[in-house]
């Protein structure tokens, strides 16, 4: 039986093509999808989008208010 050693990673620094170096990033919710959430990572200095990720919900229980 193998245990999960982690659930999810969040990037703290990514390469920015405009700044031409590794920079701190800001994570923001971009879309709420039926099976999970899509996040966008932007450069903390120039605001360029440097990546994205989709976090898939294991259970499909959601609460919308």
PDB file of N, CA and C in Angstrom:
ATOM      1  N   UNK A   1       0.844  -1.187   0.000  1.00  0.00           N
ATOM      2  CA  UNK A   1       0.000   0.000   0.000  1.00  0.00           C
ATOM      3  C   UNK A   1       0.885   1.244   0.000  1.00  0.00           C
ATOM      4  N   UNK A   2       0.714   2.077  -0.989  1.00  0.00           N
ATOM      5  CA  UNK A   2       1.539   3.271  -1.126  1.00  0.00           C
ATOM      6  C   UNK A   2       0.738   4.505  -0.706  1.00  0.00           C
ATOM      7  N   UNK A   3       1.330   5.308   0.168  1.00  0.00           N
ATOM      8  CA  UNK A   3       0.671   6.521   0.634  1.00  0.00           C
ATOM      9  C   UNK A   3       1.025   7.690  -0.266  1.00  0.00           C
ATOM     10  N   UNK A   4       0.140   8.669  -0.313  1.00  0.00           N
ATOM     11  CA  UNK A   4       0.453   9.904  -1.025  1.00  0.00           C
ATOM     12  C   UNK A   4       1.427  10.700  -0.172  1.00  0.00           C
ATOM     13  N   UNK A   5       2.535  11.101  -0.766  1.00  0.00           N
ATOM     14  CA  UNK A   5       3.501  11.878  -0.003  1.00  0.00           C
ATOM     15  C   UNK A   5       3.247  13.374  -0.126  1.00  0.00           C
ATOM     16  N   UNK A   6       2.462  13.764  -1.096  1.00  0.00           N
ATOM     17  CA  UNK A   6       2.094  15.163  -1.256  1.00  0.00           C
ATOM     18  C   UNK A   6       0.762  15.227  -1.991  1.00  0.00           C
ATOM     19  N   UNK A   7       0.106  16.345  -1.901  1.00  0.00           N
ATOM     20  CA  UNK A   7      -1.154  16.514  -2.611  1.00  0.00           C
ATOM     21  C   UNK A   7      -1.009  17.458  -3.791  1.00  0.00           C
ATOM     22  N   UNK A   8      -0.331  18.595  -3.558  1.00  0.00           N
ATOM     23  CA  UNK A   8      -0.285  19.617  -4.585  1.00  0.00           C
ATOM     24  C   UNK A   8       0.935  20.499  -4.357  1.00  0.00           C
ATOM     25  N   UNK A   9       1.561  20.934  -5.431  1.00  0.00           N
ATOM     26  CA  UNK A   9       2.676  21.866  -5.352  1.00  0.00           C
ATOM     27  C   UNK A   9       2.225  23.229  -5.849  1.00  0.00           C
ATOM     28  N   UNK A  10       2.742  24.279  -5.229  1.00  0.00           N
ATOM     29  CA  UNK A  10       2.537  25.643  -5.699  1.00  0.00           C
ATOM     30  C   UNK A  10       3.897  26.228  -6.042  1.00  0.00           C
ATOM     31  N   UNK A  11       3.996  26.830  -7.214  1.00  0.00           N
ATOM     32  CA  UNK A  11       5.253  27.444  -7.633  1.00  0.00           C
ATOM     33  C   UNK A  11       5.470  28.746  -6.870  1.00  0.00           C
ATOM     34  N   UNK A  12       6.695  28.991  -6.455  1.00  0.00           N
ATOM     35  CA  UNK A  12       7.041  30.260  -5.825  1.00  0.00           C
ATOM     36  C   UNK A  12       7.880  31.118  -6.757  1.00  0.00           C
ATOM     37  N   UNK A  13       8.637  30.482  -7.644  1.00  0.00           N
ATOM     38  CA  UNK A  13       9.434  31.180  -8.650  1.00  0.00           C
ATOM     39  C   UNK A  13       9.380  30.419  -9.961  1.00  0.00           C
ATOM     40  N   UNK A  14       9.273  31.162 -11.058  1.00  0.00           N
ATOM     41  CA  UNK A  14       9.296  30.590 -12.403  1.00  0.00           C
ATOM     42  C   UNK A  14      10.107  31.521 -13.303  1.00  0.00           C
ATOM     43  N   UNK A  15      10.527  30.997 -14.462  1.00  0.00           N
ATOM     44  CA  UNK A  15      11.280  31.806 -15.419  1.00  0.00           C
ATOM     45  C   UNK A  15      10.339  32.739 -16.180  1.00  0.00           C
ATOM     46  N   UNK A  16      10.689  34.020 -16.207  1.00  0.00           N
ATOM     47  CA  UNK A  16       9.910  35.009 -16.947  1.00  0.00           C
ATOM     48  C   UNK A  16      10.645  35.334 -18.246  1.00  0.00           C
ATOM     49  N   UNK A  17      10.009  35.124 -19.404  1.00  0.00           N
ATOM     50  CA  UNK A  17      10.674  35.403 -20.677  1.00  0.00           C
ATOM     51  C   UNK A  17      10.904  36.902 -20.913  1.00  0.00           C
ATOM     52  N   UNK A  18      10.100  37.743 -20.316  1.00  0.00           N
ATOM     53  CA  UNK A  18      10.274  39.185 -20.492  1.00  0.00           C
ATOM     54  C   UNK A  18      11.410  39.718 -19.617  1.00  0.00           C
ATOM     55  N   UNK A  19      11.479  39.272 -18.353  1.00  0.00           N
ATOM     56  CA  UNK A  19      12.542  39.698 -17.433  1.00  0.00           C
ATOM     57  C   UNK A  19      13.838  38.912 -17.662  1.00  0.00           C
ATOM     58  N   UNK A  20      13.731  37.780 -18.350  1.00  0.00           N
ATOM     59  CA  UNK A  20      14.854  36.895 -18.673  1.00  0.00           C
ATOM     60  C   UNK A  20      15.586  36.372 -17.436  1.00  0.00           C
ATOM     61  N   UNK A  21      14.794  36.008 -16.419  1.00  0.00           N
ATOM     62  CA  UNK A  21      15.357  35.408 -15.205  1.00  0.00           C
ATOM     63  C   UNK A  21      14.241  34.760 -14.395  1.00  0.00           C
ATOM     64  N   UNK A  22      14.639  34.010 -13.387  1.00  0.00           N
ATOM     65  CA  UNK A  22      13.681  33.403 -12.484  1.00  0.00           C
ATOM     66  C   UNK A  22      13.157  34.480 -11.534  1.00  0.00           C
ATOM     67  N   UNK A  23      11.844  34.568 -11.420  1.00  0.00           N
ATOM     68  CA  UNK A  23      11.224  35.634 -10.633  1.00  0.00           C
ATOM     69  C   UNK A  23      10.146  35.067  -9.709  1.00  0.00           C
ATOM     70  N   UNK A  24       9.837  35.770  -8.623  1.00  0.00           N
ATOM     71  CA  UNK A  24       8.691  35.361  -7.795  1.00  0.00           C
ATOM     72  C   UNK A  24       7.399  35.496  -8.608  1.00  0.00           C
ATOM     73  N   UNK A  25       6.454  34.636  -8.321  1.00  0.00           N
ATOM     74  CA  UNK A  25       5.202  34.653  -9.072  1.00  0.00           C
ATOM     75  C   UNK A  25       4.015  34.851  -8.134  1.00  0.00           C
ATOM     76  N   UNK A  26       2.931  35.342  -8.724  1.00  0.00           N
ATOM     77  CA  UNK A  26       1.660  35.476  -8.021  1.00  0.00           C
ATOM     78  C   UNK A  26       0.692  34.472  -8.633  1.00  0.00           C
ATOM     79  N   UNK A  27      -0.001  33.766  -7.784  1.00  0.00           N
ATOM     80  CA  UNK A  27      -0.968  32.769  -8.236  1.00  0.00           C
ATOM     81  C   UNK A  27      -2.357  33.375  -8.099  1.00  0.00           C
ATOM     82  N   UNK A  28      -3.148  33.272  -9.171  1.00  0.00           N
ATOM     83  CA  UNK A  28      -4.520  33.771  -9.094  1.00  0.00           C
ATOM     84  C   UNK A  28      -5.462  32.789  -9.770  1.00  0.00           C
ATOM     85  N   UNK A  29      -6.661  32.729  -9.251  1.00  0.00           N
ATOM     86  CA  UNK A  29      -7.688  31.850  -9.804  1.00  0.00           C
ATOM     87  C   UNK A  29      -8.152  32.426 -11.129  1.00  0.00           C
ATOM     88  N   UNK A  30      -8.057  31.622 -12.177  1.00  0.00           N
ATOM     89  CA  UNK A  30      -8.419  32.070 -13.516  1.00  0.00           C
ATOM     90  C   UNK A  30      -9.819  31.590 -13.909  1.00  0.00           C
ATOM     91  N   UNK A  31     -10.089  30.301 -13.710  1.00  0.00           N
ATOM     92  CA  UNK A  31     -11.382  29.714 -14.080  1.00  0.00           C
ATOM     93  C   UNK A  31     -11.812  28.704 -13.037  1.00  0.00           C
ATOM     94  N   UNK A  32     -13.119  28.617 -12.835  1.00  0.00           N
ATOM     95  CA  UNK A  32     -13.679  27.534 -12.028  1.00  0.00           C
ATOM     96  C   UNK A  32     -14.305  26.565 -13.010  1.00  0.00           C
ATOM     97  N   UNK A  33     -13.702  25.401 -13.135  1.00  0.00           N
ATOM     98  CA  UNK A  33     -14.165  24.392 -14.082  1.00  0.00           C
ATOM     99  C   UNK A  33     -15.037  23.367 -13.370  1.00  0.00           C
ATOM    100  N   UNK A  34     -15.699  22.549 -14.135  1.00  0.00           N
ATOM    101  CA  UNK A  34     -16.587  21.542 -13.563  1.00  0.00           C
ATOM    102  C   UNK A  34     -15.815  20.506 -12.745  1.00  0.00           C
ATOM    103  N   UNK A  35     -14.614  20.163 -13.188  1.00  0.00           N
ATOM    104  CA  UNK A  35     -13.841  19.134 -12.493  1.00  0.00           C
ATOM    105  C   UNK A  35     -12.694  19.687 -11.652  1.00  0.00           C
ATOM    106  N   UNK A  36     -12.522  21.000 -11.591  1.00  0.00           N
ATOM    107  CA  UNK A  36     -11.442  21.576 -10.796  1.00  0.00           C
ATOM    108  C   UNK A  36     -11.293  23.061 -11.059  1.00  0.00           C
ATOM    109  N   UNK A  37     -10.172  23.621 -10.615  1.00  0.00           N
ATOM    110  CA  UNK A  37      -9.912  25.055 -10.760  1.00  0.00           C
ATOM    111  C   UNK A  37      -8.645  25.279 -11.574  1.00  0.00           C
ATOM    112  N   UNK A  38      -8.655  26.297 -12.443  1.00  0.00           N
ATOM    113  CA  UNK A  38      -7.486  26.640 -13.239  1.00  0.00           C
ATOM    114  C   UNK A  38      -6.866  27.913 -12.658  1.00  0.00           C
ATOM    115  N   UNK A  39      -5.568  27.850 -12.371  1.00  0.00           N
ATOM    116  CA  UNK A  39      -4.835  28.967 -11.803  1.00  0.00           C
ATOM    117  C   UNK A  39      -3.817  29.484 -12.810  1.00  0.00           C
ATOM    118  N   UNK A  40      -3.516  30.771 -12.725  1.00  0.00           N
ATOM    119  CA  UNK A  40      -2.530  31.405 -13.588  1.00  0.00           C
ATOM    120  C   UNK A  40      -1.414  31.959 -12.715  1.00  0.00           C
ATOM    121  N   UNK A  41      -0.174  31.759 -13.142  1.00  0.00           N
ATOM    122  CA  UNK A  41       0.983  32.312 -12.455  1.00  0.00           C
ATOM    123  C   UNK A  41       1.498  33.512 -13.249  1.00  0.00           C
ATOM    124  N   UNK A  42       1.642  34.662 -12.583  1.00  0.00           N
ATOM    125  CA  UNK A  42       2.150  35.859 -13.252  1.00  0.00           C
ATOM    126  C   UNK A  42       3.405  36.350 -12.558  1.00  0.00           C
ATOM    127  N   UNK A  43       4.281  36.987 -13.338  1.00  0.00           N
ATOM    128  CA  UNK A  43       5.523  37.564 -12.830  1.00  0.00           C
ATOM    129  C   UNK A  43       5.188  38.674 -11.838  1.00  0.00           C
ATOM    130  N   UNK A  44       5.849  38.679 -10.692  1.00  0.00           N
ATOM    131  CA  UNK A  44       5.590  39.693  -9.671  1.00  0.00           C
ATOM    132  C   UNK A  44       6.106  41.064 -10.094  1.00  0.00           C
ATOM    133  N   UNK A  45       7.034  41.118 -11.053  1.00  0.00           N
ATOM    134  CA  UNK A  45       7.620  42.395 -11.467  1.00  0.00           C
ATOM    135  C   UNK A  45       6.908  43.022 -12.663  1.00  0.00           C
ATOM    136  N   UNK A  46       6.694  42.252 -13.726  1.00  0.00           N
ATOM    137  CA  UNK A  46       6.145  42.842 -14.952  1.00  0.00           C
ATOM    138  C   UNK A  46       4.714  42.399 -15.256  1.00  0.00           C
ATOM    139  N   UNK A  47       4.200  41.380 -14.558  1.00  0.00           N
ATOM    140  CA  UNK A  47       2.825  40.938 -14.756  1.00  0.00           C
ATOM    141  C   UNK A  47       2.614  39.979 -15.913  1.00  0.00           C
ATOM    142  N   UNK A  48       3.690  39.520 -16.548  1.00  0.00           N
ATOM    143  CA  UNK A  48       3.590  38.566 -17.650  1.00  0.00           C
ATOM    144  C   UNK A  48       3.132  37.207 -17.132  1.00  0.00           C
ATOM    145  N   UNK A  49       2.226  36.564 -17.851  1.00  0.00           N
ATOM    146  CA  UNK A  49       1.808  35.215 -17.499  1.00  0.00           C
ATOM    147  C   UNK A  49       2.962  34.253 -17.783  1.00  0.00           C
ATOM    148  N   UNK A  50       3.382  33.511 -16.770  1.00  0.00           N
ATOM    149  CA  UNK A  50       4.527  32.611 -16.927  1.00  0.00           C
ATOM    150  C   UNK A  50       4.146  31.141 -16.773  1.00  0.00           C
ATOM    151  N   UNK A  51       2.886  30.851 -16.494  1.00  0.00           N
ATOM    152  CA  UNK A  51       2.466  29.464 -16.384  1.00  0.00           C
ATOM    153  C   UNK A  51       1.060  29.352 -15.847  1.00  0.00           C
ATOM    154  N   UNK A  52       0.543  28.132 -15.862  1.00  0.00           N
ATOM    155  CA  UNK A  52      -0.777  27.877 -15.301  1.00  0.00           C
ATOM    156  C   UNK A  52      -0.843  26.437 -14.837  1.00  0.00           C
ATOM    157  N   UNK A  53      -1.864  26.122 -14.067  1.00  0.00           N
ATOM    158  CA  UNK A  53      -2.086  24.742 -13.630  1.00  0.00           C
ATOM    159  C   UNK A  53      -3.554  24.539 -13.349  1.00  0.00           C
ATOM    160  N   UNK A  54      -3.980  23.291 -13.459  1.00  0.00           N
ATOM    161  CA  UNK A  54      -5.355  22.912 -13.149  1.00  0.00           C
ATOM    162  C   UNK A  54      -5.315  21.982 -11.950  1.00  0.00           C
ATOM    163  N   UNK A  55      -6.050  22.340 -10.915  1.00  0.00           N
ATOM    164  CA  UNK A  55      -6.162  21.511  -9.724  1.00  0.00           C
ATOM    165  C   UNK A  55      -7.476  20.757  -9.842  1.00  0.00           C
ATOM    166  N   UNK A  56      -7.381  19.446  -9.996  1.00  0.00           N
ATOM    167  CA  UNK A  56      -8.554  18.608 -10.198  1.00  0.00           C
ATOM    168  C   UNK A  56      -9.078  18.149  -8.843  1.00  0.00           C
ATOM    169  N   UNK A  57     -10.364  18.346  -8.637  1.00  0.00           N
ATOM    170  CA  UNK A  57     -11.018  17.934  -7.401  1.00  0.00           C
ATOM    171  C   UNK A  57     -11.212  16.426  -7.419  1.00  0.00           C
ATOM    172  N   UNK A  58     -10.840  15.750  -6.325  1.00  0.00           N
ATOM    173  CA  UNK A  58     -11.044  14.310  -6.258  1.00  0.00           C
ATOM    174  C   UNK A  58     -12.497  13.967  -6.008  1.00  0.00           C
ATOM    175  N   UNK A  59     -13.138  14.714  -5.139  1.00  0.00           N
ATOM    176  CA  UNK A  59     -14.570  14.513  -4.946  1.00  0.00           C
ATOM    177  C   UNK A  59     -15.286  15.689  -5.591  1.00  0.00           C
ATOM    178  N   UNK A  60     -16.372  15.444  -6.207  1.00  0.00           N
ATOM    179  CA  UNK A  60     -17.071  16.483  -6.977  1.00  0.00           C
ATOM    180  C   UNK A  60     -18.073  17.254  -6.115  1.00  0.00           C
ATOM    181  N   UNK A  61     -17.766  17.430  -4.839  1.00  0.00           N
ATOM    182  CA  UNK A  61     -18.650  18.207  -3.990  1.00  0.00           C
ATOM    183  C   UNK A  61     -18.188  19.655  -3.971  1.00  0.00           C
ATOM    184  N   UNK A  62     -19.055  20.538  -4.356  1.00  0.00           N
ATOM    185  CA  UNK A  62     -18.758  21.974  -4.373  1.00  0.00           C
ATOM    186  C   UNK A  62     -19.923  22.717  -3.752  1.00  0.00           C
ATOM    187  N   UNK A  63     -19.608  23.811  -3.124  1.00  0.00           N
ATOM    188  CA  UNK A  63     -20.643  24.657  -2.528  1.00  0.00           C
ATOM    189  C   UNK A  63     -20.566  26.018  -3.186  1.00  0.00           C
ATOM    190  N   UNK A  64     -21.631  26.417  -3.842  1.00  0.00           N
ATOM    191  CA  UNK A  64     -21.702  27.734  -4.468  1.00  0.00           C
ATOM    192  C   UNK A  64     -22.708  28.569  -3.701  1.00  0.00           C
ATOM    193  N   UNK A  65     -22.281  29.732  -3.321  1.00  0.00           N
ATOM    194  CA  UNK A  65     -23.153  30.629  -2.569  1.00  0.00           C
ATOM    195  C   UNK A  65     -23.394  31.884  -3.386  1.00  0.00           C
TER     196      UNK A  65
END
